Protein backbone atom coordinates (compact mmCIF):
# COMPACT_ATOMS: atom_id res chain seq x y z
CA MET A 1 4.52 -24.04 37.18
CA ILE A 2 3.16 -23.89 33.56
CA THR A 3 -0.87 -23.54 32.94
CA PRO A 4 -3.34 -25.00 30.65
CA LYS A 5 -3.74 -21.51 29.21
CA GLU A 6 0.01 -21.33 28.55
CA ILE A 7 0.26 -24.43 27.17
CA LYS A 8 -2.48 -23.66 24.71
CA GLN A 9 -0.85 -20.45 23.78
CA LYS A 10 2.43 -22.26 23.09
CA ALA A 11 0.59 -24.84 21.19
CA GLU A 12 -1.13 -22.07 18.58
CA ARG A 13 2.16 -20.81 18.35
CA LYS A 14 3.28 -24.22 16.65
CA TYR A 15 0.36 -24.16 14.35
CA ALA A 16 1.72 -22.48 11.60
CA ASP A 17 4.74 -25.06 11.59
CA TYR A 18 2.38 -27.94 11.93
CA LEU A 19 0.63 -26.97 8.65
CA ARG A 20 3.87 -26.64 6.79
CA THR A 21 4.61 -30.35 7.73
CA ILE A 22 1.27 -31.35 5.93
CA ILE A 23 2.48 -30.10 2.87
CA GLN A 24 6.28 -31.38 3.10
CA ALA A 25 4.61 -34.62 4.49
CA ASP A 26 7.21 -34.64 7.47
CA ASN A 27 6.27 -36.08 11.00
CA PHE A 28 5.07 -33.56 13.78
CA PHE A 29 4.43 -35.53 16.59
CA PRO A 30 4.94 -35.96 19.21
CA LEU A 31 5.09 -32.21 20.03
CA GLU A 32 6.75 -31.24 23.15
CA ILE A 33 5.68 -28.16 24.87
CA ARG A 34 9.02 -26.90 26.86
CA SER A 35 8.39 -25.24 30.19
CA ASN A 36 11.23 -23.95 32.53
CA LYS A 37 9.06 -22.39 35.22
CA SER A 38 9.24 -22.88 38.88
CA VAL A 39 7.21 -25.40 40.89
CA GLY A 40 6.98 -23.18 43.74
CA ASN A 41 7.88 -23.76 47.58
CA SER A 42 4.17 -24.19 49.09
CA LEU A 43 3.05 -27.52 49.11
CA SER A 44 -0.63 -26.34 49.04
CA ASP A 45 0.22 -23.97 45.94
CA TYR A 46 2.10 -26.92 44.36
CA LYS A 47 -0.92 -29.40 44.39
CA LYS A 48 -3.15 -26.71 43.09
CA SER A 49 -1.06 -26.12 40.19
CA ILE A 50 -0.87 -29.86 39.57
CA ASP A 51 -4.67 -30.32 39.90
CA LEU A 52 -4.97 -27.47 37.19
CA LEU A 53 -2.34 -28.87 35.06
CA MET A 54 -3.94 -32.54 35.05
CA SER A 55 -7.51 -30.90 34.32
CA ALA A 56 -6.80 -29.99 30.94
CA SER A 57 -4.47 -33.18 30.22
CA LYS A 58 -5.35 -36.24 27.86
CA GLU A 59 -5.32 -38.46 31.26
CA LYS A 60 -8.55 -36.36 32.14
CA ASN A 61 -10.43 -35.60 28.85
CA ASN A 62 -9.25 -38.28 26.27
CA TYR A 63 -7.29 -35.76 24.31
CA GLY A 64 -4.98 -32.90 24.73
CA TYR A 65 -1.30 -33.12 26.17
CA LYS A 66 0.20 -35.72 28.25
CA ILE A 67 2.48 -35.39 31.14
CA ASP A 68 5.26 -37.57 31.99
CA PHE A 69 6.30 -37.44 35.66
CA GLU A 70 9.14 -38.35 37.72
CA LYS A 71 9.59 -38.71 41.55
CA ARG A 72 11.82 -36.18 43.34
CA LYS A 73 12.37 -35.27 46.87
CA THR A 74 12.66 -31.60 47.90
CA LYS A 75 13.43 -29.75 51.15
CA SER A 76 10.21 -27.33 50.62
CA LEU A 77 7.86 -30.15 49.28
CA GLY A 78 9.11 -33.14 50.27
CA THR A 79 8.81 -36.31 47.84
CA GLN A 80 6.38 -35.51 44.98
CA ASP A 81 5.84 -36.37 41.43
CA PHE A 82 7.20 -33.49 39.24
CA PRO A 83 6.01 -32.98 35.66
CA VAL A 84 9.37 -33.52 33.49
CA LYS A 85 7.59 -33.50 30.00
CA ILE A 86 4.41 -32.15 28.59
CA TYR A 87 3.58 -33.34 24.82
CA PHE A 88 0.94 -33.95 22.25
CA GLU A 89 1.21 -37.50 21.28
CA THR A 90 -0.84 -37.33 18.19
CA GLU A 91 -2.32 -34.91 15.54
CA THR A 92 -5.88 -35.45 16.96
CA ASP A 93 -4.67 -34.56 20.49
CA PHE A 94 -3.33 -31.44 19.15
CA LEU A 95 -6.09 -30.15 17.17
CA LYS A 96 -8.64 -31.04 19.34
CA PHE A 97 -6.79 -29.14 22.13
CA THR A 98 -6.26 -25.87 20.18
CA ASN A 99 -9.77 -25.99 18.65
CA LYS A 100 -8.27 -26.25 15.13
CA GLU A 101 -9.79 -29.55 13.66
CA LYS A 102 -12.21 -27.46 11.47
CA GLU A 103 -9.89 -25.31 9.69
CA THR A 104 -7.14 -28.16 9.33
CA THR A 105 -9.87 -30.05 7.38
CA CYS A 106 -10.13 -26.93 4.92
CA PHE A 107 -6.41 -26.57 4.67
CA LYS A 108 -5.81 -30.01 3.90
CA LYS A 109 -8.65 -30.02 0.78
CA VAL A 110 -7.64 -26.23 -0.14
CA TYR A 111 -4.05 -26.53 -0.43
CA LEU A 112 -4.32 -29.84 -2.74
CA ASP A 113 -6.68 -27.95 -5.02
CA ILE A 114 -4.28 -24.91 -5.22
CA ILE A 115 -1.29 -27.13 -5.83
CA ASP A 116 -3.09 -28.97 -8.16
CA GLU A 117 -4.16 -25.80 -10.43
CA PHE A 118 -0.94 -24.07 -9.77
CA PRO A 119 2.13 -26.01 -8.25
CA GLU A 120 4.16 -22.72 -8.79
CA LEU A 121 2.16 -21.70 -5.29
CA ARG A 122 3.85 -24.35 -3.21
CA GLU A 123 6.26 -22.36 -1.87
CA TRP A 124 4.20 -19.34 -1.27
CA ILE A 125 1.63 -21.90 0.79
CA THR A 126 4.49 -23.12 2.62
CA LYS A 127 5.60 -19.59 3.61
CA TYR A 128 2.21 -18.51 4.51
CA PRO A 129 -0.01 -21.50 5.43
CA ASN A 130 -2.12 -18.98 7.71
CA LYS A 131 -3.24 -17.16 4.51
CA ILE A 132 -4.85 -20.39 3.19
CA ILE A 133 -6.92 -20.64 6.66
CA ASN A 134 -7.89 -16.98 6.58
CA ASN A 135 -9.29 -17.13 3.02
CA CYS A 136 -10.71 -20.77 3.57
CA SER A 137 -14.46 -19.97 2.14
CA LYS A 138 -13.12 -17.84 -0.77
CA TRP A 139 -10.63 -20.21 -2.67
CA LYS A 140 -13.04 -21.30 -5.00
CA ASP A 141 -13.51 -18.11 -6.03
CA LEU A 142 -9.70 -16.91 -5.93
CA LEU A 143 -8.87 -19.64 -8.18
CA LYS A 144 -11.22 -18.48 -10.63
CA VAL A 145 -9.85 -15.27 -10.64
CA CYS A 146 -6.14 -16.67 -10.89
CA LYS A 147 -7.21 -18.73 -13.95
CA TYR A 148 -8.55 -16.11 -15.93
CA PHE A 149 -5.31 -13.91 -15.41
CA LYS A 150 -3.01 -16.55 -16.11
CA SER A 151 -4.85 -17.08 -19.56
CA ASN A 152 -5.39 -13.41 -20.09
CA PRO A 153 -2.81 -11.44 -18.11
CA LYS A 154 -3.24 -8.11 -19.94
CA PRO A 155 -7.32 -7.61 -19.89
CA ASN A 156 -7.14 -3.76 -20.39
CA ILE A 157 -10.86 -3.74 -19.25
CA TYR A 158 -12.42 -2.61 -15.80
CA ILE A 159 -12.59 -5.12 -13.05
CA ARG A 160 -16.64 -5.12 -13.64
CA GLU A 161 -16.02 -6.26 -16.99
CA LEU A 162 -13.97 -9.30 -16.13
CA PRO A 163 -16.01 -12.40 -17.56
CA ILE A 164 -15.40 -14.16 -14.33
CA LYS A 165 -17.99 -16.14 -12.33
CA VAL A 166 -17.67 -14.08 -9.25
CA HIS A 167 -19.71 -11.35 -7.60
CA THR A 168 -18.86 -7.96 -9.00
CA LYS A 169 -17.17 -6.94 -5.88
CA PHE A 170 -15.13 -10.19 -5.15
CA ILE A 171 -11.97 -8.81 -6.65
CA GLN A 172 -12.20 -5.31 -5.31
CA ASN A 173 -12.67 -6.97 -1.76
CA ASN A 174 -10.02 -9.33 -2.12
CA LYS A 175 -7.00 -7.25 -3.95
CA GLY A 176 -4.57 -8.09 -1.25
CA ILE A 177 -4.40 -11.75 -1.45
CA ILE A 178 -5.11 -11.57 -5.26
CA ARG A 179 -2.13 -9.38 -5.70
CA GLU A 180 0.30 -11.89 -3.79
CA LEU A 181 -0.89 -14.71 -5.98
CA LEU A 182 -0.75 -12.80 -9.47
CA ASP A 183 2.72 -11.54 -8.60
CA ILE A 184 3.71 -15.07 -8.63
CA LEU A 185 1.58 -16.44 -11.24
CA ILE A 186 1.84 -13.76 -14.06
CA GLY A 187 4.86 -11.96 -12.65
CA GLU A 188 6.43 -11.62 -16.14
CA HIS A 189 3.30 -9.64 -17.37
CA ILE A 190 2.73 -7.21 -14.49
CA ASN A 191 3.99 -3.75 -14.20
CA HIS A 192 6.11 -4.00 -11.03
CA ASN A 193 6.86 -0.59 -10.31
CA GLU A 194 2.95 0.22 -9.72
CA THR A 195 1.31 -0.08 -6.32
CA LYS A 196 -2.23 0.32 -7.50
CA PHE A 197 -4.00 -2.89 -8.23
CA GLU A 198 -5.17 -1.80 -11.76
CA LYS A 199 -2.22 -0.20 -12.98
CA ARG A 200 -0.19 -3.30 -11.64
CA PHE A 201 -2.32 -5.88 -13.52
CA ASN A 202 -3.37 -3.86 -16.81
CA LEU A 203 -6.81 -3.13 -16.05
CA LYS A 204 -8.45 -0.01 -16.55
CA PHE A 205 -9.50 2.20 -13.73
CA SER A 206 -11.14 5.46 -12.92
CA GLU A 207 -8.26 7.78 -13.94
CA PRO A 208 -7.68 11.27 -12.28
CA LEU A 209 -8.89 14.09 -14.63
CA VAL A 210 -6.38 16.85 -15.74
CA ARG A 211 -8.01 20.32 -15.88
CA PHE A 212 -6.77 23.02 -18.17
CA ARG A 213 -7.64 26.05 -20.01
CA ILE A 214 -7.09 27.13 -23.49
CA LEU A 215 -6.24 30.81 -23.40
CA ASP A 216 -6.12 31.43 -26.85
CA ASP A 217 -9.73 31.77 -28.35
CA LYS A 218 -8.76 31.20 -31.88
CA ILE A 219 -7.26 27.64 -30.83
CA SER A 220 -10.38 26.95 -28.47
CA ASP A 221 -12.89 27.76 -31.59
CA LYS A 222 -10.62 25.83 -34.23
CA GLN A 223 -9.82 22.83 -32.39
CA PHE A 224 -12.29 22.54 -29.36
CA GLN A 225 -15.73 23.77 -30.81
CA GLY A 226 -15.17 27.11 -28.56
CA ILE A 227 -14.43 25.06 -25.21
CA SER A 228 -11.80 26.81 -23.31
CA ASP A 229 -11.96 25.05 -19.74
CA ILE A 230 -11.60 21.38 -20.15
CA SER A 231 -11.03 18.31 -17.71
CA ILE A 232 -9.93 15.16 -19.52
CA PRO A 233 -8.50 11.69 -17.96
CA VAL A 234 -4.65 11.47 -17.49
CA SER A 235 -4.34 8.96 -20.23
CA GLN A 236 -6.02 11.13 -23.07
CA PHE A 237 -4.04 14.43 -21.63
CA ASN A 238 -0.80 12.43 -22.01
CA ASN A 239 -1.76 11.81 -25.53
CA LEU A 240 -3.10 15.38 -26.08
CA SER A 241 -2.37 16.92 -29.54
CA ILE A 242 -2.91 20.91 -29.80
CA ASN A 243 -1.85 22.74 -32.64
CA ASN A 244 0.28 26.02 -32.27
CA ILE A 245 0.83 25.77 -28.63
CA ASN A 246 4.15 27.84 -27.61
CA TYR A 247 3.51 28.54 -23.85
CA VAL A 248 2.31 26.50 -21.10
CA TYR A 249 1.92 27.58 -17.45
CA ILE A 250 0.91 24.96 -14.59
CA VAL A 251 -0.41 26.78 -11.75
CA GLU A 252 -0.78 25.38 -8.38
CA ASN A 253 -4.34 26.72 -7.26
CA GLU A 254 -7.85 26.73 -9.08
CA MET A 255 -8.43 30.36 -8.74
CA ASN A 256 -5.32 31.14 -10.59
CA LEU A 257 -6.26 28.79 -13.18
CA LEU A 258 -9.74 30.55 -13.60
CA THR A 259 -8.23 34.24 -13.70
CA PHE A 260 -4.93 33.47 -15.56
CA PRO A 261 -5.30 35.98 -18.46
CA LYS A 262 -5.96 35.20 -22.10
CA MET A 263 -2.88 34.84 -24.19
CA PRO A 264 -2.19 33.88 -27.66
CA ASN A 265 -0.94 30.08 -28.38
CA THR A 266 -1.25 29.51 -24.62
CA ILE A 267 -2.68 26.93 -22.25
CA ALA A 268 -2.83 27.02 -18.20
CA ILE A 269 -2.85 23.66 -16.24
CA TRP A 270 -4.25 23.07 -12.77
CA GLY A 271 -1.28 21.28 -11.05
CA LYS A 272 -3.56 20.52 -7.54
CA GLY A 273 -0.26 20.80 -5.44
CA PHE A 274 1.33 17.58 -5.28
CA GLN A 275 -1.22 16.01 -7.84
CA VAL A 276 1.01 17.43 -10.51
CA ASN A 277 2.53 13.99 -10.79
CA ASN A 278 -0.71 13.05 -12.73
CA ILE A 279 0.86 14.47 -15.79
CA LYS A 280 4.33 13.10 -15.40
CA ASN A 281 4.02 11.10 -18.47
CA ALA A 282 2.73 13.86 -20.94
CA ASN A 283 5.80 13.93 -23.08
CA TRP A 284 4.47 16.42 -25.45
CA LEU A 285 5.19 18.94 -22.83
CA LYS A 286 8.89 18.47 -22.80
CA LYS A 287 8.65 19.80 -26.34
CA ILE A 288 7.51 23.18 -25.12
CA ASN A 289 10.08 25.95 -25.15
CA ASN A 290 8.19 28.35 -23.01
CA PHE A 291 7.04 26.06 -20.12
CA PHE A 292 6.23 27.71 -16.38
CA TYR A 293 5.20 26.59 -12.99
CA TRP A 294 3.71 29.09 -10.72
CA GLY A 295 3.26 27.99 -7.08
CA ASP A 296 3.05 29.40 -3.60
CA ILE A 297 5.86 30.87 -2.41
CA ASP A 298 6.61 28.37 0.62
CA ALA A 299 8.52 25.28 1.37
CA HIS A 300 5.94 22.98 -0.40
CA GLY A 301 5.65 25.22 -3.69
CA PHE A 302 9.09 24.75 -4.15
CA GLU A 303 9.23 21.27 -3.15
CA ILE A 304 6.45 20.79 -5.95
CA LEU A 305 8.67 22.68 -8.36
CA SER A 306 11.38 20.21 -7.89
CA GLN A 307 9.20 17.78 -8.44
CA ILE A 308 8.05 18.76 -11.63
CA ARG A 309 11.39 19.41 -13.00
CA GLY A 310 12.07 15.83 -12.14
CA TYR A 311 9.43 15.16 -14.92
CA PHE A 312 10.36 18.13 -17.07
CA ASN A 313 13.56 19.58 -17.14
CA ASN A 314 12.64 22.39 -19.32
CA ILE A 315 10.30 24.05 -17.00
CA GLN A 316 10.85 27.56 -15.26
CA SER A 317 9.50 28.96 -12.35
CA LEU A 318 7.11 31.98 -12.38
CA LEU A 319 6.59 34.50 -9.61
CA MET A 320 8.79 32.58 -7.27
CA ASP A 321 11.49 35.09 -6.87
CA GLU A 322 12.82 37.21 -3.84
CA ILE A 323 11.56 40.35 -5.36
CA THR A 324 7.88 39.29 -5.54
CA PHE A 325 8.09 37.79 -1.96
CA ASN A 326 9.22 40.89 -0.70
CA ASN A 327 6.48 42.71 -2.24
CA PHE A 328 3.58 41.06 -1.14
CA PHE A 329 4.52 38.77 1.93
CA GLN A 330 2.42 39.48 4.75
CA ASP A 331 4.18 37.37 7.50
CA ASP A 332 2.01 34.39 6.72
CA LYS A 333 3.16 31.09 8.17
CA GLY A 334 3.00 27.80 5.94
CA ALA A 335 2.77 24.14 6.53
CA THR A 336 6.05 22.79 8.20
CA SER A 337 8.46 20.77 5.76
CA THR A 338 10.35 18.02 6.64
CA THR A 339 12.00 17.27 3.37
CA GLN A 340 15.70 16.51 3.81
CA VAL A 341 16.61 15.55 0.09
CA THR A 342 18.40 17.96 -2.34
CA LEU A 343 15.82 19.65 -4.38
CA ASN A 344 16.34 20.42 -8.02
CA LEU A 345 16.08 24.43 -8.01
CA THR A 346 18.07 26.94 -9.25
CA GLU A 347 20.86 28.75 -7.03
CA GLU A 348 18.29 31.64 -6.56
CA GLU A 349 15.45 29.51 -5.79
CA TYR A 350 17.38 27.61 -3.34
CA GLN A 351 18.32 30.45 -1.34
CA LEU A 352 14.71 31.59 -1.16
CA TYR A 353 13.59 28.19 -0.51
CA ASN A 354 15.85 27.94 2.73
CA LYS A 355 15.08 31.22 3.84
CA ILE A 356 11.14 30.69 4.11
CA LYS A 357 11.56 26.95 5.37
CA ASP A 358 13.68 28.14 8.17
CA ASN A 359 11.20 30.73 8.99
CA ASN A 360 8.10 28.69 7.80
CA TRP A 361 6.73 31.58 5.59
CA ARG A 362 4.09 31.20 3.17
CA LEU A 363 3.05 33.92 0.15
CA GLU A 364 0.00 32.37 -1.36
CA GLN A 365 -0.71 32.87 -5.20
CA GLU A 366 -3.87 34.59 -4.48
CA LYS A 367 -2.23 37.36 -2.65
CA ILE A 368 -0.19 38.49 -5.61
CA PRO A 369 -2.55 41.05 -7.91
CA LEU A 370 -3.52 39.95 -10.84
CA GLN A 371 -1.93 43.19 -12.67
CA TYR A 372 1.26 42.10 -11.19
CA LEU A 373 0.91 38.96 -13.20
CA LYS A 374 -0.08 40.43 -16.40
CA ASP A 375 2.94 42.99 -15.88
CA LYS A 376 5.19 40.10 -15.72
CA LEU A 377 3.86 38.37 -18.64
CA LYS A 378 3.56 41.71 -20.50
CA ILE A 379 0.11 41.52 -21.41
């Protein structure tokens, strides 16, 4: 036989549907709780189950579920009153039994405040009524944020600078719910392909830095006051303008950036492995005729090379060939790759990639002598 605990669990599963009827002004009660559980064959167990069922009923507590009985005769239990229907007659019975009175009061007030300010959120509230409950104490400030962005959909300032009367970490701590709301309220102004909150909603943010070295002292002296090792935000790097640059080398590892030899009209960029995607919008690199990527000769190194070619089809590989690998490979193992997609590699690169991937081999950049690099560059 069904127990009060099971009735409560079933009632709680109906709570979101109940909240929706508030929005839609529909009738929800009486609410029947269905049970197809056996009443058992032992008379003593049956009476204990009935007593337990009655203990949490409206008949005993003046609130909660009601029970309709029907007199029946069975072989094992004789003639007994059997429960044939369990239901909540009124909203009060349901809310007191599930301990939802307080949060329902909040919901009724908050959803009206939201709809009054932003009627376009009605469908969202109907779909996710529990999100109103879960953020009950925050809605006053959430609406302040929504109002600001509705009037200023492209702020182009840092979150901390937003002139909204909420504490400085409120938006930071509630990005999830705010994103859902703004996606609806200012959908025509957001950057849909961006998942980072600040990028999606046209805010400034702490950008990654791009580190590069000017390998030509004349250019360094003339254009950068003698500074040759430079780190700047991605957006500034994207708009960088350096005169007389004819050669660009992206290197995977930091030490190779630091030891890359001086060369005329040349810069070297630290790719930081897969973080090379930070420079994907530096369109000025597409105009460089002598553009190279030098990574570890392992599966990930070639996968990074393929990634970069997706941004810059003018890039070539450097020292990522069979001859270099055979000269310096020391039977080191690499990180296992599970990549299944077709890579953007040349036929020769693909042959080497497949061989080292199948064997999980790795030749790190640092194990290639500096003189070998200089010879390759004809320095």
